[in-house]
PDB file of all heavy atoms in Angstrom:
ATOM      1  N   TYR A   1      93.753  98.093  77.885  1.00  0.00           N
ATOM      2  CA  TYR A   1      93.782  97.536  79.249  1.00  0.00           C
ATOM      3  C   TYR A   1      92.395  97.640  79.871  1.00  0.00           C
ATOM      4  O   TYR A   1      91.549  98.470  79.468  1.00  0.00           O
ATOM      5  CB  TYR A   1      94.829  98.193  80.136  1.00  0.00           C
ATOM      6  CG  TYR A   1      94.858  99.711  80.115  1.00  0.00           C
ATOM      7  CD1 TYR A   1      93.933 100.457  80.826  1.00  0.00           C
ATOM      8  CD2 TYR A   1      95.850 100.365  79.427  1.00  0.00           C
ATOM      9  CE1 TYR A   1      93.988 101.833  80.851  1.00  0.00           C
ATOM     10  CE2 TYR A   1      95.926 101.767  79.452  1.00  0.00           C
ATOM     11  CZ  TYR A   1      94.974 102.500  80.155  1.00  0.00           C
ATOM     12  OH  TYR A   1      95.037 103.850  80.150  1.00  0.00           O
ATOM     13  N   ALA A   2      92.144  96.784  80.857  1.00  0.00           N
ATOM     14  CA  ALA A   2      90.876  96.771  81.590  1.00  0.00           C
ATOM     15  C   ALA A   2      91.182  96.395  83.025  1.00  0.00           C
ATOM     16  O   ALA A   2      92.118  95.642  83.313  1.00  0.00           O
ATOM     17  CB  ALA A   2      89.899  95.760  80.956  1.00  0.00           C
ATOM     18  N   GLY A   3      90.401  96.943  83.942  1.00  0.00           N
ATOM     19  CA  GLY A   3      90.578  96.647  85.354  1.00  0.00           C
ATOM     20  C   GLY A   3      89.246  96.635  86.085  1.00  0.00           C
ATOM     21  O   GLY A   3      88.227  97.002  85.534  1.00  0.00           O
ATOM     22  N   GLY A   4      89.308  96.188  87.335  1.00  0.00           N
ATOM     23  CA  GLY A   4      88.095  96.150  88.153  1.00  0.00           C
ATOM     24  C   GLY A   4      87.840  97.480  88.832  1.00  0.00           C
ATOM     25  O   GLY A   4      86.743  98.020  88.800  1.00  0.00           O
ATOM     26  N   THR A   5      88.861  98.045  89.476  1.00  0.00           N
ATOM     27  CA  THR A   5      88.764  99.347  90.131  1.00  0.00           C
ATOM     28  C   THR A   5      90.040 100.106  89.911  1.00  0.00           C
ATOM     29  O   THR A   5      91.094  99.554  89.625  1.00  0.00           O
ATOM     30  CB  THR A   5      88.513  99.223  91.654  1.00  0.00           C
ATOM     31  OG1 THR A   5      89.614  98.529  92.244  1.00  0.00           O
ATOM     32  CG2 THR A   5      87.239  98.439  91.956  1.00  0.00           C
ATOM     33  N   ALA A   6      89.948 101.434  90.071  1.00  0.00           N
ATOM     34  CA  ALA A   6      91.121 102.302  90.014  1.00  0.00           C
ATOM     35  C   ALA A   6      90.806 103.594  90.786  1.00  0.00           C
ATOM     36  O   ALA A   6      89.645 104.005  90.840  1.00  0.00           O
ATOM     37  CB  ALA A   6      91.517 102.633  88.577  1.00  0.00           C
ATOM     38  N   VAL A   7      91.821 104.181  91.390  1.00  0.00           N
ATOM     39  CA  VAL A   7      91.659 105.418  92.142  1.00  0.00           C
ATOM     40  C   VAL A   7      92.704 106.413  91.715  1.00  0.00           C
ATOM     41  O   VAL A   7      93.888 106.067  91.593  1.00  0.00           O
ATOM     42  CB  VAL A   7      91.770 105.177  93.661  1.00  0.00           C
ATOM     43  CG1 VAL A   7      91.609 106.492  94.421  1.00  0.00           C
ATOM     44  CG2 VAL A   7      90.724 104.164  94.123  1.00  0.00           C
ATOM     45  N   GLN A   8      92.307 107.665  91.493  1.00  0.00           N
ATOM     46  CA  GLN A   8      93.247 108.731  91.159  1.00  0.00           C
ATOM     47  C   GLN A   8      92.897 109.958  91.921  1.00  0.00           C
ATOM     48  O   GLN A   8      91.709 110.340  92.048  1.00  0.00           O
ATOM     49  CB  GLN A   8      93.191 109.056  89.656  1.00  0.00           C
ATOM     50  CG  GLN A   8      93.595 107.895  88.754  1.00  0.00           C
ATOM     51  CD  GLN A   8      93.517 108.247  87.284  1.00  0.00           C
ATOM     52  OE1 GLN A   8      93.240 109.368  86.921  1.00  0.00           O
ATOM     53  NE2 GLN A   8      93.704 107.259  86.426  1.00  0.00           N
ATOM     54  N   ALA A   9      93.918 110.651  92.485  1.00  0.00           N
ATOM     55  CA  ALA A   9      93.708 111.906  93.185  1.00  0.00           C
ATOM     56  C   ALA A   9      94.821 112.857  92.790  1.00  0.00           C
ATOM     57  O   ALA A   9      95.953 112.717  93.250  1.00  0.00           O
ATOM     58  CB  ALA A   9      93.681 111.686  94.711  1.00  0.00           C
ATOM     59  N   LEU A  10      94.538 113.785  91.887  1.00  0.00           N
ATOM     60  CA  LEU A  10      95.556 114.675  91.367  1.00  0.00           C
ATOM     61  C   LEU A  10      96.143 115.555  92.459  1.00  0.00           C
ATOM     62  O   LEU A  10      95.431 116.055  93.344  1.00  0.00           O
ATOM     63  CB  LEU A  10      94.947 115.552  90.275  1.00  0.00           C
ATOM     64  CG  LEU A  10      94.473 114.801  89.022  1.00  0.00           C
ATOM     65  CD1 LEU A  10      93.865 115.782  88.020  1.00  0.00           C
ATOM     66  CD2 LEU A  10      95.602 114.072  88.348  1.00  0.00           C
ATOM     67  N   GLY A  11      97.473 115.720  92.423  1.00  0.00           N
ATOM     68  CA  GLY A  11      98.126 116.601  93.388  1.00  0.00           C
ATOM     69  C   GLY A  11      98.400 115.951  94.704  1.00  0.00           C
ATOM     70  O   GLY A  11      98.850 116.611  95.645  1.00  0.00           O
ATOM     71  N   THR A  12      98.112 114.648  94.840  1.00  0.00           N
ATOM     72  CA  THR A  12      98.386 113.936  96.088  1.00  0.00           C
ATOM     73  C   THR A  12      99.082 112.616  95.759  1.00  0.00           C
ATOM     74  O   THR A  12      99.303 112.266  94.596  1.00  0.00           O
ATOM     75  CB  THR A  12      97.087 113.640  96.856  1.00  0.00           C
ATOM     76  OG1 THR A  12      96.426 112.535  96.230  1.00  0.00           O
ATOM     77  CG2 THR A  12      96.163 114.840  96.889  1.00  0.00           C
ATOM     78  N   THR A  13      99.408 111.871  96.792  1.00  0.00           N
ATOM     79  CA  THR A  13     100.018 110.548  96.589  1.00  0.00           C
ATOM     80  C   THR A  13      98.982 109.455  96.578  1.00  0.00           C
ATOM     81  O   THR A  13      99.321 108.259  96.541  1.00  0.00           O
ATOM     82  CB  THR A  13     101.055 110.282  97.699  1.00  0.00           C
ATOM     83  OG1 THR A  13     100.402 110.354  98.969  1.00  0.00           O
ATOM     84  CG2 THR A  13     102.174 111.299  97.661  1.00  0.00           C
ATOM     85  N   VAL A  14      97.686 109.801  96.673  1.00  0.00           N
ATOM     86  CA  VAL A  14      96.642 108.801  96.678  1.00  0.00           C
ATOM     87  C   VAL A  14      96.545 108.182  95.322  1.00  0.00           C
ATOM     88  O   VAL A  14      96.282 108.854  94.311  1.00  0.00           O
ATOM     89  CB  VAL A  14      95.293 109.418  97.084  1.00  0.00           C
ATOM     90  CG1 VAL A  14      94.176 108.350  96.974  1.00  0.00           C
ATOM     91  CG2 VAL A  14      95.356 109.962  98.487  1.00  0.00           C
ATOM     92  N   ARG A  15      96.794 106.877  95.220  1.00  0.00           N
ATOM     93  CA  ARG A  15      96.769 106.220  93.922  1.00  0.00           C
ATOM     94  C   ARG A  15      96.652 104.729  94.097  1.00  0.00           C
ATOM     95  O   ARG A  15      97.276 104.126  94.962  1.00  0.00           O
ATOM     96  CB  ARG A  15      98.060 106.524  93.172  1.00  0.00           C
ATOM     97  CG  ARG A  15      98.213 105.753  91.844  1.00  0.00           C
ATOM     98  CD  ARG A  15      99.534 106.066  91.184  1.00  0.00           C
ATOM     99  NE  ARG A  15      99.765 105.187  90.045  1.00  0.00           N
ATOM    100  CZ  ARG A  15     100.892 105.172  89.355  1.00  0.00           C
ATOM    101  NH1 ARG A  15     101.878 105.993  89.651  1.00  0.00           N
ATOM    102  NH2 ARG A  15     101.030 104.366  88.325  1.00  0.00           N
ATOM    103  N   SER A  16      95.795 104.120  93.332  1.00  0.00           N
ATOM    104  CA  SER A  16      95.734 102.655  93.231  1.00  0.00           C
ATOM    105  C   SER A  16      95.482 102.299  91.813  1.00  0.00           C
ATOM    106  O   SER A  16      94.404 102.582  91.278  1.00  0.00           O
ATOM    107  CB  SER A  16      94.613 102.117  94.141  1.00  0.00           C
ATOM    108  OG  SER A  16      94.540 100.696  94.037  1.00  0.00           O
ATOM    109  N   ASP A  17      96.475 101.726  91.152  1.00  0.00           N
ATOM    110  CA  ASP A  17      96.333 101.353  89.761  1.00  0.00           C
ATOM    111  C   ASP A  17      95.316 100.249  89.616  1.00  0.00           C
ATOM    112  O   ASP A  17      94.800  99.695  90.598  1.00  0.00           O
ATOM    113  CB  ASP A  17      97.677 100.929  89.184  1.00  0.00           C
ATOM    114  CG  ASP A  17      98.632 102.096  88.996  1.00  0.00           C
ATOM    115  OD1 ASP A  17      98.123 103.250  88.957  1.00  0.00           O
ATOM    116  OD2 ASP A  17      99.841 101.873  88.898  1.00  0.00           O
ATOM    117  N   PHE A  18      95.046  99.882  88.379  1.00  0.00           N
ATOM    118  CA  PHE A  18      93.969  98.926  88.078  1.00  0.00           C
ATOM    119  C   PHE A  18      94.128  97.624  88.901  1.00  0.00           C
ATOM    120  O   PHE A  18      95.195  97.025  88.905  1.00  0.00           O
ATOM    121  CB  PHE A  18      93.956  98.566  86.611  1.00  0.00           C
ATOM    122  CG  PHE A  18      93.457  99.639  85.698  1.00  0.00           C
ATOM    123  CD1 PHE A  18      93.261 100.946  86.187  1.00  0.00           C
ATOM    124  CD2 PHE A  18      93.183  99.381  84.388  1.00  0.00           C
ATOM    125  CE1 PHE A  18      92.812 101.930  85.340  1.00  0.00           C
ATOM    126  CE2 PHE A  18      92.727 100.364  83.541  1.00  0.00           C
ATOM    127  CZ  PHE A  18      92.540 101.655  84.013  1.00  0.00           C
ATOM    128  N   THR A  19      93.024  97.243  89.562  1.00  0.00           N
ATOM    129  CA  THR A  19      93.014  95.894  90.178  1.00  0.00           C
ATOM    130  C   THR A  19      92.631  94.896  89.143  1.00  0.00           C
ATOM    131  O   THR A  19      91.817  95.143  88.240  1.00  0.00           O
ATOM    132  CB  THR A  19      91.995  95.880  91.336  1.00  0.00           C
ATOM    133  OG1 THR A  19      90.713  96.287  90.874  1.00  0.00           O
ATOM    134  CG2 THR A  19      92.443  96.786  92.474  1.00  0.00           C
ATOM    135  N   SER A  20      93.222  93.699  89.253  1.00  0.00           N
ATOM    136  CA  SER A  20      92.950  92.585  88.318  1.00  0.00           C
ATOM    137  C   SER A  20      93.135  93.026  86.881  1.00  0.00           C
ATOM    138  O   SER A  20      92.333  92.724  86.003  1.00  0.00           O
ATOM    139  CB  SER A  20      91.549  92.038  88.533  1.00  0.00           C
ATOM    140  OG  SER A  20      91.334  90.852  87.785  1.00  0.00           O
ATOM    141  N   GLU A  21      94.212  93.730  86.584  1.00  0.00           N
ATOM    142  CA  GLU A  21      94.429  94.311  85.271  1.00  0.00           C
ATOM    143  C   GLU A  21      94.765  93.260  84.216  1.00  0.00           C
ATOM    144  O   GLU A  21      95.521  92.346  84.439  1.00  0.00           O
ATOM    145  CB  GLU A  21      95.550  95.367  85.303  1.00  0.00           C
ATOM    146  CG  GLU A  21      95.809  95.967  83.943  1.00  0.00           C
ATOM    147  CD  GLU A  21      96.926  96.994  83.935  1.00  0.00           C
ATOM    148  OE1 GLU A  21      97.465  97.289  85.037  1.00  0.00           O
ATOM    149  OE2 GLU A  21      97.284  97.501  82.844  1.00  0.00           O
ATOM    150  N   SER A  22      94.177  93.417  83.047  1.00  0.00           N
ATOM    151  CA  SER A  22      94.588  92.732  81.827  1.00  0.00           C
ATOM    152  C   SER A  22      95.000  93.796  80.810  1.00  0.00           C
ATOM    153  O   SER A  22      94.425  94.860  80.754  1.00  0.00           O
ATOM    154  CB  SER A  22      93.457  91.889  81.234  1.00  0.00           C
ATOM    155  OG  SER A  22      93.076  90.857  82.108  1.00  0.00           O
ATOM    156  N   SER A  23      96.074  93.496  80.020  1.00  0.00           N
ATOM    157  CA  SER A  23      96.541  94.512  79.091  1.00  0.00           C
ATOM    158  C   SER A  23      97.229  93.858  77.905  1.00  0.00           C
ATOM    159  O   SER A  23      97.737  92.741  77.988  1.00  0.00           O
ATOM    160  CB  SER A  23      97.480  95.473  79.767  1.00  0.00           C
ATOM    161  OG  SER A  23      98.677  94.809  80.197  1.00  0.00           O
ATOM    162  N   VAL A  24      97.270  94.604  76.769  1.00  0.00           N
ATOM    163  CA  VAL A  24      98.073  94.230  75.632  1.00  0.00           C
ATOM    164  C   VAL A  24      98.714  95.508  75.105  1.00  0.00           C
ATOM    165  O   VAL A  24      98.187  96.596  75.240  1.00  0.00           O
ATOM    166  CB  VAL A  24      97.259  93.559  74.484  1.00  0.00           C
ATOM    167  CG1 VAL A  24      96.690  92.247  74.950  1.00  0.00           C
ATOM    168  CG2 VAL A  24      96.174  94.483  73.982  1.00  0.00           C
ATOM    169  N   ASP A  25      99.876  95.343  74.469  1.00  0.00           N
ATOM    170  CA  ASP A  25     100.600  96.438  73.833  1.00  0.00           C
ATOM    171  C   ASP A  25     101.355  95.794  72.694  1.00  0.00           C
ATOM    172  O   ASP A  25     102.440  95.263  72.872  1.00  0.00           O
ATOM    173  CB  ASP A  25     101.513  97.120  74.824  1.00  0.00           C
ATOM    174  CG  ASP A  25     102.116  98.405  74.302  1.00  0.00           C
ATOM    175  OD1 ASP A  25     102.251  98.542  73.080  1.00  0.00           O
ATOM    176  OD2 ASP A  25     102.437  99.298  75.110  1.00  0.00           O
ATOM    177  N   THR A  26     100.773  95.799  71.480  1.00  0.00           N
ATOM    178  CA  THR A  26     101.304  94.951  70.419  1.00  0.00           C
ATOM    179  C   THR A  26     100.890  95.467  69.027  1.00  0.00           C
ATOM    180  O   THR A  26      99.984  96.282  68.897  1.00  0.00           O
ATOM    181  CB  THR A  26     100.755  93.513  70.603  1.00  0.00           C
ATOM    182  OG1 THR A  26     101.320  92.641  69.591  1.00  0.00           O
ATOM    183  CG2 THR A  26      99.231  93.495  70.466  1.00  0.00           C
ATOM    184  N   ASN A  27     101.588  94.987  68.024  1.00  0.00           N
ATOM    185  CA  ASN A  27     101.166  95.220  66.633  1.00  0.00           C
ATOM    186  C   ASN A  27     100.749  93.919  65.969  1.00  0.00           C
ATOM    187  O   ASN A  27     100.844  93.765  64.763  1.00  0.00           O
ATOM    188  CB  ASN A  27     102.280  95.917  65.828  1.00  0.00           C
ATOM    189  CG  ASN A  27     103.524  95.037  65.699  1.00  0.00           C
ATOM    190  OD1 ASN A  27     103.665  94.032  66.411  1.00  0.00           O
ATOM    191  ND2 ASN A  27     104.414  95.403  64.796  1.00  0.00           N
ATOM    192  N   GLN A  28     100.298  92.968  66.797  1.00  0.00           N
ATOM    193  CA  GLN A  28      99.911  91.647  66.299  1.00  0.00           C
ATOM    194  C   GLN A  28      98.501  91.301  66.757  1.00  0.00           C
ATOM    195  O   GLN A  28      98.057  91.690  67.853  1.00  0.00           O
ATOM    196  CB  GLN A  28     100.895  90.577  66.800  1.00  0.00           C
ATOM    197  CG  GLN A  28     102.312  90.758  66.273  1.00  0.00           C
ATOM    198  CD  GLN A  28     103.284  89.844  66.985  1.00  0.00           C
ATOM    199  OE1 GLN A  28     103.486  89.971  68.188  1.00  0.00           O
ATOM    200  NE2 GLN A  28     103.855  88.932  66.233  1.00  0.00           N
ATOM    201  N   THR A  29      97.783  90.566  65.900  1.00  0.00           N
ATOM    202  CA  THR A  29      96.474  90.019  66.302  1.00  0.00           C
ATOM    203  C   THR A  29      96.690  88.644  66.928  1.00  0.00           C
ATOM    204  O   THR A  29      97.785  88.074  66.854  1.00  0.00           O
ATOM    205  CB  THR A  29      95.533  89.926  65.087  1.00  0.00           C
ATOM    206  OG1 THR A  29      96.179  89.128  64.084  1.00  0.00           O
ATOM    207  CG2 THR A  29      95.208  91.307  64.540  1.00  0.00           C
ATOM    208  N   GLY A  30      95.667  88.118  67.523  1.00  0.00           N
ATOM    209  CA  GLY A  30      95.781  86.822  68.185  1.00  0.00           C
ATOM    210  C   GLY A  30      96.443  86.891  69.531  1.00  0.00           C
ATOM    211  O   GLY A  30      96.827  85.850  70.105  1.00  0.00           O
TER     212      GLY A  30
END
């Protein structure tokens, strides 16, 4: 996966997952 920005703050509720995310999860090429 790849994103533009992300924010993590352990032990708090501050969180913003990847903006403009692209991802793959596969056992195939192409």
